[in-house]
């Protein structure tokens, strides 16, 4: 990474590619915010078209993330400490903002730093269209500055009605800079089932930037949920079988504890000893 993270917009594209049992792909233009949770109140006071926990052209509501109940920053820190992380630095979130009061975030990503500026954990919060959320809190090996971060975990939350629950996720993330990039591979015992990516370029979170983003992506947040249902219909038409949804949702968070040794930069953590997967319902 060449510079410290900053609150900004990222304008780019989302791509989903299903690899089996049928092939299916779509791409659409989106923008997201990348924001320091400690700085959102100041950003809200500074900008005319952005608000924290209030209606505006763009807004960020804490209840749209975490457990939906209280202070989002405190919720993230409590989960980090429960999992054994230091949890003493800045926390950034990458997500879609509300646009004129509406949003649906299939994925919100929290970047959790230590007080000395090291990225120690990434939390991937997945939401489904049934109003359920599950967060995967995963460690970042030390010594990977500027290198892609690879993380893996078992799938816990029913998301696509065409994907079984006994799958795994493989995340590849980069610390956001001038560009933003994240990819998710969902796999079963026989290989990849689905690949999803978001790539974007940084733009200032300013009133001018907001106007350009809204004009260039009209009704974007409504289009996200519409696209989910439209693509599901297209897959159903292709003959995919709907998987049974579990009767009970999983606990709120699953986690792996901090890594115990430093990984060489060319190994991506392959020999790192990690704590086993834990779950808690905070």
C-alpha atoms as a PDB file:
ATOM      1  CA  UNK A   1       0.000   0.000   0.000  1.00  0.00           C
ATOM      2  CA  UNK A   2       1.395   3.410  -0.975  1.00  0.00           C
ATOM      3  CA  UNK A   3      -0.652   5.712   1.276  1.00  0.00           C
ATOM      4  CA  UNK A   4      -2.856   5.695   4.351  1.00  0.00           C
ATOM      5  CA  UNK A   5      -6.546   4.900   3.769  1.00  0.00           C
ATOM      6  CA  UNK A   6      -8.863   7.873   3.348  1.00  0.00           C
ATOM      7  CA  UNK A   7     -12.609   8.335   3.271  1.00  0.00           C
ATOM      8  CA  UNK A   8     -13.677   8.438  -0.392  1.00  0.00           C
ATOM      9  CA  UNK A   9     -16.005   7.212  -3.100  1.00  0.00           C
ATOM     10  CA  UNK A  10     -15.023   4.293  -5.336  1.00  0.00           C
ATOM     11  CA  UNK A  11     -16.636   4.214  -8.777  1.00  0.00           C
ATOM     12  CA  UNK A  12     -16.429   1.017 -10.787  1.00  0.00           C
ATOM     13  CA  UNK A  13     -18.087  -2.255 -11.748  1.00  0.00           C
ATOM     14  CA  UNK A  14     -19.457  -5.373 -10.082  1.00  0.00           C
ATOM     15  CA  UNK A  15     -19.107  -8.680 -11.926  1.00  0.00           C
ATOM     16  CA  UNK A  16     -20.784 -11.996 -11.094  1.00  0.00           C
ATOM     17  CA  UNK A  17     -19.914 -15.150 -13.005  1.00  0.00           C
ATOM     18  CA  UNK A  18     -21.583 -18.490 -12.261  1.00  0.00           C
ATOM     19  CA  UNK A  19     -19.457 -21.383 -13.462  1.00  0.00           C
ATOM     20  CA  UNK A  20     -21.750 -24.358 -12.783  1.00  0.00           C
ATOM     21  CA  UNK A  21     -24.095 -26.141 -13.143  1.00  0.00           C
ATOM     22  CA  UNK A  22     -24.802 -23.565 -15.868  1.00  0.00           C
ATOM     23  CA  UNK A  23     -22.687 -20.631 -16.961  1.00  0.00           C
ATOM     24  CA  UNK A  24     -24.112 -17.189 -16.334  1.00  0.00           C
ATOM     25  CA  UNK A  25     -22.475 -13.768 -16.092  1.00  0.00           C
ATOM     26  CA  UNK A  26     -23.474 -10.153 -15.579  1.00  0.00           C
ATOM     27  CA  UNK A  27     -21.686  -6.837 -15.026  1.00  0.00           C
ATOM     28  CA  UNK A  28     -23.118  -3.538 -13.809  1.00  0.00           C
ATOM     29  CA  UNK A  29     -21.791  -0.115 -12.876  1.00  0.00           C
ATOM     30  CA  UNK A  30     -21.878   0.922  -9.233  1.00  0.00           C
ATOM     31  CA  UNK A  31     -20.177   3.190  -6.739  1.00  0.00           C
ATOM     32  CA  UNK A  32     -19.519   2.669  -3.045  1.00  0.00           C
ATOM     33  CA  UNK A  33     -18.189   4.615  -0.103  1.00  0.00           C
ATOM     34  CA  UNK A  34     -15.062   3.797   1.878  1.00  0.00           C
ATOM     35  CA  UNK A  35     -15.305   5.584   5.203  1.00  0.00           C
ATOM     36  CA  UNK A  36     -13.587   5.905   8.571  1.00  0.00           C
ATOM     37  CA  UNK A  37     -16.318   5.147  11.122  1.00  0.00           C
ATOM     38  CA  UNK A  38     -14.812   7.725  13.480  1.00  0.00           C
ATOM     39  CA  UNK A  39     -14.971  10.431  10.829  1.00  0.00           C
ATOM     40  CA  UNK A  40     -18.494  10.083   9.457  1.00  0.00           C
ATOM     41  CA  UNK A  41     -19.995  12.717  11.767  1.00  0.00           C
ATOM     42  CA  UNK A  42     -17.441  15.283  10.581  1.00  0.00           C
ATOM     43  CA  UNK A  43     -18.093  14.362   6.945  1.00  0.00           C
ATOM     44  CA  UNK A  44     -21.830  14.761   7.529  1.00  0.00           C
ATOM     45  CA  UNK A  45     -21.324  18.253   8.969  1.00  0.00           C
ATOM     46  CA  UNK A  46     -19.030  19.269   6.105  1.00  0.00           C
ATOM     47  CA  UNK A  47     -21.160  18.114   3.150  1.00  0.00           C
ATOM     48  CA  UNK A  48     -24.547  19.302   1.957  1.00  0.00           C
ATOM     49  CA  UNK A  49     -25.559  16.087   0.161  1.00  0.00           C
ATOM     50  CA  UNK A  50     -24.335  13.471   2.654  1.00  0.00           C
ATOM     51  CA  UNK A  51     -25.711  12.732   6.137  1.00  0.00           C
ATOM     52  CA  UNK A  52     -25.056  10.307   8.979  1.00  0.00           C
ATOM     53  CA  UNK A  53     -28.210   8.564  10.241  1.00  0.00           C
ATOM     54  CA  UNK A  54     -30.401  11.112   8.455  1.00  0.00           C
ATOM     55  CA  UNK A  55     -32.101  11.275   5.038  1.00  0.00           C
ATOM     56  CA  UNK A  56     -30.157  12.883   2.207  1.00  0.00           C
ATOM     57  CA  UNK A  57     -29.153  12.308  -1.394  1.00  0.00           C
ATOM     58  CA  UNK A  58     -26.520   9.958   0.048  1.00  0.00           C
ATOM     59  CA  UNK A  59     -26.563   8.825   3.661  1.00  0.00           C
ATOM     60  CA  UNK A  60     -25.006   6.257   5.948  1.00  0.00           C
ATOM     61  CA  UNK A  61     -27.183   4.645   8.631  1.00  0.00           C
ATOM     62  CA  UNK A  62     -25.365   2.615  11.273  1.00  0.00           C
ATOM     63  CA  UNK A  63     -28.356   0.301  11.642  1.00  0.00           C
ATOM     64  CA  UNK A  64     -27.849  -0.884   8.053  1.00  0.00           C
ATOM     65  CA  UNK A  65     -24.757  -2.766   9.269  1.00  0.00           C
ATOM     66  CA  UNK A  66     -23.478  -4.759  12.238  1.00  0.00           C
ATOM     67  CA  UNK A  67     -26.265  -5.996  14.496  1.00  0.00           C
ATOM     68  CA  UNK A  68     -28.516  -3.113  13.446  1.00  0.00           C
ATOM     69  CA  UNK A  69     -28.995  -2.000  17.036  1.00  0.00           C
ATOM     70  CA  UNK A  70     -26.390   0.424  18.316  1.00  0.00           C
ATOM     71  CA  UNK A  71     -23.037   2.112  17.827  1.00  0.00           C
ATOM     72  CA  UNK A  72     -21.460   0.369  14.843  1.00  0.00           C
ATOM     73  CA  UNK A  73     -17.863   1.155  15.789  1.00  0.00           C
ATOM     74  CA  UNK A  74     -18.336  -0.316  19.270  1.00  0.00           C
ATOM     75  CA  UNK A  75     -19.972  -3.443  17.822  1.00  0.00           C
ATOM     76  CA  UNK A  76     -17.003  -4.074  15.529  1.00  0.00           C
ATOM     77  CA  UNK A  77     -14.489  -3.491  18.336  1.00  0.00           C
ATOM     78  CA  UNK A  78     -16.311  -5.840  20.713  1.00  0.00           C
ATOM     79  CA  UNK A  79     -16.262  -8.600  18.104  1.00  0.00           C
ATOM     80  CA  UNK A  80     -12.577  -7.999  17.391  1.00  0.00           C
ATOM     81  CA  UNK A  81     -11.708  -8.275  21.077  1.00  0.00           C
ATOM     82  CA  UNK A  82     -13.800 -11.412  21.484  1.00  0.00           C
ATOM     83  CA  UNK A  83     -11.813 -12.987  18.638  1.00  0.00           C
ATOM     84  CA  UNK A  84      -8.492 -11.973  20.237  1.00  0.00           C
ATOM     85  CA  UNK A  85      -7.501  -8.952  18.139  1.00  0.00           C
ATOM     86  CA  UNK A  86      -6.015  -5.717  19.498  1.00  0.00           C
ATOM     87  CA  UNK A  87      -8.914  -3.633  18.181  1.00  0.00           C
ATOM     88  CA  UNK A  88      -7.206  -0.343  19.064  1.00  0.00           C
ATOM     89  CA  UNK A  89      -7.001   1.436  15.704  1.00  0.00           C
ATOM     90  CA  UNK A  90      -9.179   2.936  13.004  1.00  0.00           C
ATOM     91  CA  UNK A  91     -12.029   1.001  11.398  1.00  0.00           C
ATOM     92  CA  UNK A  92     -13.099   1.661   7.803  1.00  0.00           C
ATOM     93  CA  UNK A  93     -16.163   0.319   6.013  1.00  0.00           C
ATOM     94  CA  UNK A  94     -16.671  -0.245   2.306  1.00  0.00           C
ATOM     95  CA  UNK A  95     -20.353  -0.431   1.329  1.00  0.00           C
ATOM     96  CA  UNK A  96     -23.129   1.079  -0.722  1.00  0.00           C
ATOM     97  CA  UNK A  97     -24.608   4.218   0.833  1.00  0.00           C
ATOM     98  CA  UNK A  98     -28.294   4.891   1.015  1.00  0.00           C
ATOM     99  CA  UNK A  99     -29.407   6.803  -2.052  1.00  0.00           C
ATOM    100  CA  UNK A 100     -32.463   8.945  -1.314  1.00  0.00           C
ATOM    101  CA  UNK A 101     -33.226   6.724   1.678  1.00  0.00           C
ATOM    102  CA  UNK A 102     -32.811   3.212   0.244  1.00  0.00           C
ATOM    103  CA  UNK A 103     -29.989   0.678   0.192  1.00  0.00           C
ATOM    104  CA  UNK A 104     -29.326  -3.041   0.060  1.00  0.00           C
ATOM    105  CA  UNK A 105     -25.786  -4.241   0.734  1.00  0.00           C
ATOM    106  CA  UNK A 106     -25.088  -7.835  -0.316  1.00  0.00           C
ATOM    107  CA  UNK A 107     -21.602  -7.314   1.148  1.00  0.00           C
ATOM    108  CA  UNK A 108     -20.146  -4.730   3.529  1.00  0.00           C
ATOM    109  CA  UNK A 109     -16.426  -4.957   4.280  1.00  0.00           C
ATOM    110  CA  UNK A 110     -14.767  -3.646   7.459  1.00  0.00           C
ATOM    111  CA  UNK A 111     -11.022  -2.942   7.434  1.00  0.00           C
ATOM    112  CA  UNK A 112      -9.729  -3.046  11.020  1.00  0.00           C
ATOM    113  CA  UNK A 113      -6.388  -1.425  11.858  1.00  0.00           C
ATOM    114  CA  UNK A 114      -4.149  -1.347  14.918  1.00  0.00           C
ATOM    115  CA  UNK A 115      -3.063   1.919  16.525  1.00  0.00           C
ATOM    116  CA  UNK A 116       0.284   1.695  14.710  1.00  0.00           C
ATOM    117  CA  UNK A 117      -1.449   1.512  11.315  1.00  0.00           C
ATOM    118  CA  UNK A 118      -1.296  -2.216  10.564  1.00  0.00           C
ATOM    119  CA  UNK A 119      -4.329  -3.885   9.020  1.00  0.00           C
ATOM    120  CA  UNK A 120      -4.991  -6.762  11.450  1.00  0.00           C
ATOM    121  CA  UNK A 121      -8.397  -8.082  10.357  1.00  0.00           C
ATOM    122  CA  UNK A 122     -11.072  -7.802   7.693  1.00  0.00           C
ATOM    123  CA  UNK A 123     -14.726  -8.470   8.469  1.00  0.00           C
ATOM    124  CA  UNK A 124     -16.951  -9.446   5.533  1.00  0.00           C
ATOM    125  CA  UNK A 125     -20.632  -8.920   6.403  1.00  0.00           C
ATOM    126  CA  UNK A 126     -22.965 -10.736   4.012  1.00  0.00           C
ATOM    127  CA  UNK A 127     -26.691  -9.946   3.848  1.00  0.00           C
ATOM    128  CA  UNK A 128     -29.421 -11.923   2.099  1.00  0.00           C
ATOM    129  CA  UNK A 129     -32.804 -10.843   0.797  1.00  0.00           C
ATOM    130  CA  UNK A 130     -34.540 -12.443   3.796  1.00  0.00           C
ATOM    131  CA  UNK A 131     -33.230  -9.754   6.138  1.00  0.00           C
ATOM    132  CA  UNK A 132     -30.469 -11.932   7.637  1.00  0.00           C
ATOM    133  CA  UNK A 133     -26.803 -10.999   8.102  1.00  0.00           C
ATOM    134  CA  UNK A 134     -23.669 -12.926   8.922  1.00  0.00           C
ATOM    135  CA  UNK A 135     -20.143 -11.582   9.418  1.00  0.00           C
ATOM    136  CA  UNK A 136     -16.919 -13.450   8.671  1.00  0.00           C
ATOM    137  CA  UNK A 137     -14.129 -11.952  10.807  1.00  0.00           C
ATOM    138  CA  UNK A 138     -10.779 -13.044   9.375  1.00  0.00           C
ATOM    139  CA  UNK A 139      -7.150 -12.221  10.247  1.00  0.00           C
ATOM    140  CA  UNK A 140      -4.624 -10.466   8.034  1.00  0.00           C
ATOM    141  CA  UNK A 141      -1.098 -11.911   8.241  1.00  0.00           C
ATOM    142  CA  UNK A 142       1.612  -9.399   9.229  1.00  0.00           C
ATOM    143  CA  UNK A 143       4.122  -8.338   6.633  1.00  0.00           C
ATOM    144  CA  UNK A 144       1.818  -8.204   3.590  1.00  0.00           C
ATOM    145  CA  UNK A 145       2.024  -4.462   2.852  1.00  0.00           C
ATOM    146  CA  UNK A 146       1.009  -3.841  -0.758  1.00  0.00           C
ATOM    147  CA  UNK A 147       0.327  -7.530  -1.390  1.00  0.00           C
ATOM    148  CA  UNK A 148      -3.030  -9.154  -2.065  1.00  0.00           C
ATOM    149  CA  UNK A 149      -4.586 -10.638   1.078  1.00  0.00           C
ATOM    150  CA  UNK A 150      -6.105 -14.115   0.734  1.00  0.00           C
ATOM    151  CA  UNK A 151      -8.668 -15.319   3.272  1.00  0.00           C
ATOM    152  CA  UNK A 152     -10.864 -18.429   3.389  1.00  0.00           C
ATOM    153  CA  UNK A 153     -13.735 -19.681   5.533  1.00  0.00           C
ATOM    154  CA  UNK A 154     -16.746 -21.979   5.477  1.00  0.00           C
ATOM    155  CA  UNK A 155     -19.989 -20.475   4.242  1.00  0.00           C
ATOM    156  CA  UNK A 156     -22.489 -19.938   7.070  1.00  0.00           C
ATOM    157  CA  UNK A 157     -25.403 -17.931   5.636  1.00  0.00           C
ATOM    158  CA  UNK A 158     -27.978 -18.955   3.021  1.00  0.00           C
ATOM    159  CA  UNK A 159     -27.650 -16.344   0.276  1.00  0.00           C
ATOM    160  CA  UNK A 160     -28.390 -17.448  -3.288  1.00  0.00           C
ATOM    161  CA  UNK A 161     -31.355 -19.864  -3.436  1.00  0.00           C
ATOM    162  CA  UNK A 162     -29.381 -21.888  -6.003  1.00  0.00           C
ATOM    163  CA  UNK A 163     -26.266 -22.430  -3.872  1.00  0.00           C
ATOM    164  CA  UNK A 164     -25.953 -25.059  -1.146  1.00  0.00           C
ATOM    165  CA  UNK A 165     -24.779 -24.097   2.328  1.00  0.00           C
ATOM    166  CA  UNK A 166     -21.875 -26.570   2.452  1.00  0.00           C
ATOM    167  CA  UNK A 167     -19.617 -24.300   0.371  1.00  0.00           C
ATOM    168  CA  UNK A 168     -16.475 -22.284   1.092  1.00  0.00           C
ATOM    169  CA  UNK A 169     -15.579 -18.656   0.453  1.00  0.00           C
ATOM    170  CA  UNK A 170     -12.162 -17.491  -0.715  1.00  0.00           C
ATOM    171  CA  UNK A 171     -11.683 -13.724  -0.450  1.00  0.00           C
ATOM    172  CA  UNK A 172      -8.929 -11.743  -2.149  1.00  0.00           C
ATOM    173  CA  UNK A 173      -8.719  -8.176  -0.896  1.00  0.00           C
ATOM    174  CA  UNK A 174      -6.358  -5.240  -1.257  1.00  0.00           C
ATOM    175  CA  UNK A 175      -6.025  -2.292   1.080  1.00  0.00           C
ATOM    176  CA  UNK A 176      -7.868   0.496  -0.772  1.00  0.00           C
ATOM    177  CA  UNK A 177      -5.672   3.094  -2.458  1.00  0.00           C
ATOM    178  CA  UNK A 178      -6.194   4.890  -5.773  1.00  0.00           C
ATOM    179  CA  UNK A 179      -7.927   1.688  -6.833  1.00  0.00           C
ATOM    180  CA  UNK A 180     -10.218  -0.696  -4.975  1.00  0.00           C
ATOM    181  CA  UNK A 181     -10.406  -4.413  -5.716  1.00  0.00           C
ATOM    182  CA  UNK A 182     -12.046  -7.352  -3.992  1.00  0.00           C
ATOM    183  CA  UNK A 183     -13.013 -10.791  -5.252  1.00  0.00           C
ATOM    184  CA  UNK A 184     -14.979 -13.662  -3.736  1.00  0.00           C
ATOM    185  CA  UNK A 185     -14.875 -17.240  -4.975  1.00  0.00           C
ATOM    186  CA  UNK A 186     -17.547 -19.620  -3.732  1.00  0.00           C
ATOM    187  CA  UNK A 187     -16.668 -23.294  -4.154  1.00  0.00           C
ATOM    188  CA  UNK A 188     -17.927 -26.761  -3.392  1.00  0.00           C
ATOM    189  CA  UNK A 189     -15.946 -30.000  -3.063  1.00  0.00           C
ATOM    190  CA  UNK A 190     -15.458 -30.125  -6.843  1.00  0.00           C
ATOM    191  CA  UNK A 191     -14.270 -26.577  -7.441  1.00  0.00           C
ATOM    192  CA  UNK A 192     -15.495 -23.039  -8.061  1.00  0.00           C
ATOM    193  CA  UNK A 193     -19.223 -22.386  -8.313  1.00  0.00           C
ATOM    194  CA  UNK A 194     -19.362 -18.605  -8.408  1.00  0.00           C
ATOM    195  CA  UNK A 195     -16.938 -15.681  -8.716  1.00  0.00           C
ATOM    196  CA  UNK A 196     -17.864 -12.101  -7.789  1.00  0.00           C
ATOM    197  CA  UNK A 197     -15.665  -9.017  -8.034  1.00  0.00           C
ATOM    198  CA  UNK A 198     -15.808  -5.276  -7.465  1.00  0.00           C
ATOM    199  CA  UNK A 199     -13.161  -2.988  -8.921  1.00  0.00           C
ATOM    200  CA  UNK A 200     -13.202   0.784  -8.784  1.00  0.00           C
ATOM    201  CA  UNK A 201     -11.251   4.029  -8.885  1.00  0.00           C
ATOM    202  CA  UNK A 202     -11.123   6.479  -6.021  1.00  0.00           C
ATOM    203  CA  UNK A 203     -13.024   9.765  -6.232  1.00  0.00           C
ATOM    204  CA  UNK A 204     -13.379  12.431  -3.553  1.00  0.00           C
ATOM    205  CA  UNK A 205     -16.328  12.216  -1.168  1.00  0.00           C
ATOM    206  CA  UNK A 206     -17.383  15.803  -1.796  1.00  0.00           C
ATOM    207  CA  UNK A 207     -20.620  17.494  -2.779  1.00  0.00           C
ATOM    208  CA  UNK A 208     -19.400  17.673  -6.371  1.00  0.00           C
ATOM    209  CA  UNK A 209     -18.372  14.012  -6.275  1.00  0.00           C
ATOM    210  CA  UNK A 210     -21.751  12.998  -4.881  1.00  0.00           C
ATOM    211  CA  UNK A 211     -23.617  14.879  -7.620  1.00  0.00           C
ATOM    212  CA  UNK A 212     -21.544  13.177 -10.314  1.00  0.00           C
ATOM    213  CA  UNK A 213     -22.014   9.751  -8.704  1.00  0.00           C
ATOM    214  CA  UNK A 214     -25.794  10.134  -8.363  1.00  0.00           C
ATOM    215  CA  UNK A 215     -26.244  11.517 -11.880  1.00  0.00           C
ATOM    216  CA  UNK A 216     -24.033   8.780 -13.331  1.00  0.00           C
ATOM    217  CA  UNK A 217     -25.767   5.968 -11.385  1.00  0.00           C
ATOM    218  CA  UNK A 218     -29.442   6.979 -11.077  1.00  0.00           C
ATOM    219  CA  UNK A 219     -31.440   4.802  -8.650  1.00  0.00           C
ATOM    220  CA  UNK A 220     -28.386   2.597  -8.184  1.00  0.00           C
ATOM    221  CA  UNK A 221     -29.419   1.117  -4.840  1.00  0.00           C
ATOM    222  CA  UNK A 222     -32.834   0.155  -6.196  1.00  0.00           C
ATOM    223  CA  UNK A 223     -31.149  -1.394  -9.214  1.00  0.00           C
ATOM    224  CA  UNK A 224     -28.976  -3.588  -6.948  1.00  0.00           C
ATOM    225  CA  UNK A 225     -31.955  -5.383  -5.403  1.00  0.00           C
ATOM    226  CA  UNK A 226     -33.811  -5.437  -8.750  1.00  0.00           C
ATOM    227  CA  UNK A 227     -30.776  -7.008 -10.424  1.00  0.00           C
ATOM    228  CA  UNK A 228     -30.559  -9.710  -7.743  1.00  0.00           C
ATOM    229  CA  UNK A 229     -34.138 -10.809  -8.392  1.00  0.00           C
ATOM    230  CA  UNK A 230     -33.890 -10.475 -12.182  1.00  0.00           C
ATOM    231  CA  UNK A 231     -30.739 -12.588 -12.378  1.00  0.00           C
ATOM    232  CA  UNK A 232     -32.317 -15.172 -10.032  1.00  0.00           C
ATOM    233  CA  UNK A 233     -35.281 -15.385 -12.398  1.00  0.00           C
ATOM    234  CA  UNK A 234     -32.953 -15.888 -15.353  1.00  0.00           C
ATOM    235  CA  UNK A 235     -31.136 -18.694 -13.515  1.00  0.00           C
ATOM    236  CA  UNK A 236     -34.444 -20.344 -12.633  1.00  0.00           C
ATOM    237  CA  UNK A 237     -35.385 -20.195 -16.316  1.00  0.00           C
ATOM    238  CA  UNK A 238     -32.112 -22.009 -17.074  1.00  0.00           C
ATOM    239  CA  UNK A 239     -33.237 -24.878 -14.869  1.00  0.00           C
ATOM    240  CA  UNK A 240     -31.347 -24.353 -11.605  1.00  0.00           C
ATOM    241  CA  UNK A 241     -32.898 -26.060  -8.591  1.00  0.00           C
ATOM    242  CA  UNK A 242     -33.789 -23.980  -5.527  1.00  0.00           C
ATOM    243  CA  UNK A 243     -31.970 -25.144  -2.382  1.00  0.00           C
ATOM    244  CA  UNK A 244     -33.918 -25.421   0.863  1.00  0.00           C
ATOM    245  CA  UNK A 245     -33.364 -22.506   3.217  1.00  0.00           C
ATOM    246  CA  UNK A 246     -32.347 -23.529   6.793  1.00  0.00           C
ATOM    247  CA  UNK A 247     -35.006 -23.114   9.456  1.00  0.00           C
ATOM    248  CA  UNK A 248     -32.649 -21.125  11.700  1.00  0.00           C
ATOM    249  CA  UNK A 249     -30.101 -18.456  10.694  1.00  0.00           C
ATOM    250  CA  UNK A 250     -26.496 -18.904  11.849  1.00  0.00           C
ATOM    251  CA  UNK A 251     -24.938 -16.968  14.754  1.00  0.00           C
ATOM    252  CA  UNK A 252     -24.175 -13.346  13.958  1.00  0.00           C
ATOM    253  CA  UNK A 253     -20.397 -13.721  13.560  1.00  0.00           C
ATOM    254  CA  UNK A 254     -17.919 -16.477  12.743  1.00  0.00           C
ATOM    255  CA  UNK A 255     -14.241 -15.790  13.183  1.00  0.00           C
ATOM    256  CA  UNK A 256     -10.660 -16.923  13.008  1.00  0.00           C
ATOM    257  CA  UNK A 257      -8.280 -15.521  15.613  1.00  0.00           C
ATOM    258  CA  UNK A 258      -5.094 -13.548  14.930  1.00  0.00           C
ATOM    259  CA  UNK A 259      -2.268 -15.268  13.099  1.00  0.00           C
ATOM    260  CA  UNK A 260       0.565 -16.454  15.320  1.00  0.00           C
ATOM    261  CA  UNK A 261       3.588 -15.986  13.056  1.00  0.00           C
ATOM    262  CA  UNK A 262       4.579 -13.658  10.266  1.00  0.00           C
ATOM    263  CA  UNK A 263       4.061 -14.955   6.748  1.00  0.00           C
ATOM    264  CA  UNK A 264       6.590 -14.457   3.954  1.00  0.00           C
ATOM    265  CA  UNK A 265       5.241 -12.085   1.322  1.00  0.00           C
ATOM    266  CA  UNK A 266       5.299 -14.735  -1.423  1.00  0.00           C
ATOM    267  CA  UNK A 267       3.415 -17.332   0.608  1.00  0.00           C
ATOM    268  CA  UNK A 268       0.132 -15.530   1.282  1.00  0.00           C
ATOM    269  CA  UNK A 269      -0.104 -17.156   4.680  1.00  0.00           C
ATOM    270  CA  UNK A 270      -0.047 -20.749   3.490  1.00  0.00           C
ATOM    271  CA  UNK A 271       1.896 -21.991   6.525  1.00  0.00           C
ATOM    272  CA  UNK A 272       0.347 -19.730   9.121  1.00  0.00           C
ATOM    273  CA  UNK A 273      -1.109 -21.295  12.246  1.00  0.00           C
ATOM    274  CA  UNK A 274      -4.567 -19.851  12.864  1.00  0.00           C
ATOM    275  CA  UNK A 275      -7.138 -20.322  15.549  1.00  0.00           C
ATOM    276  CA  UNK A 276     -10.031 -22.578  14.632  1.00  0.00           C
ATOM    277  CA  UNK A 277     -13.317 -21.168  13.412  1.00  0.00           C
ATOM    278  CA  UNK A 278     -15.402 -19.782  16.252  1.00  0.00           C
ATOM    279  CA  UNK A 279     -18.897 -18.363  16.357  1.00  0.00           C
ATOM    280  CA  UNK A 280     -20.696 -15.919  18.593  1.00  0.00           C
ATOM    281  CA  UNK A 281     -24.053 -14.226  18.406  1.00  0.00           C
ATOM    282  CA  UNK A 282     -23.310 -10.670  19.527  1.00  0.00           C
END
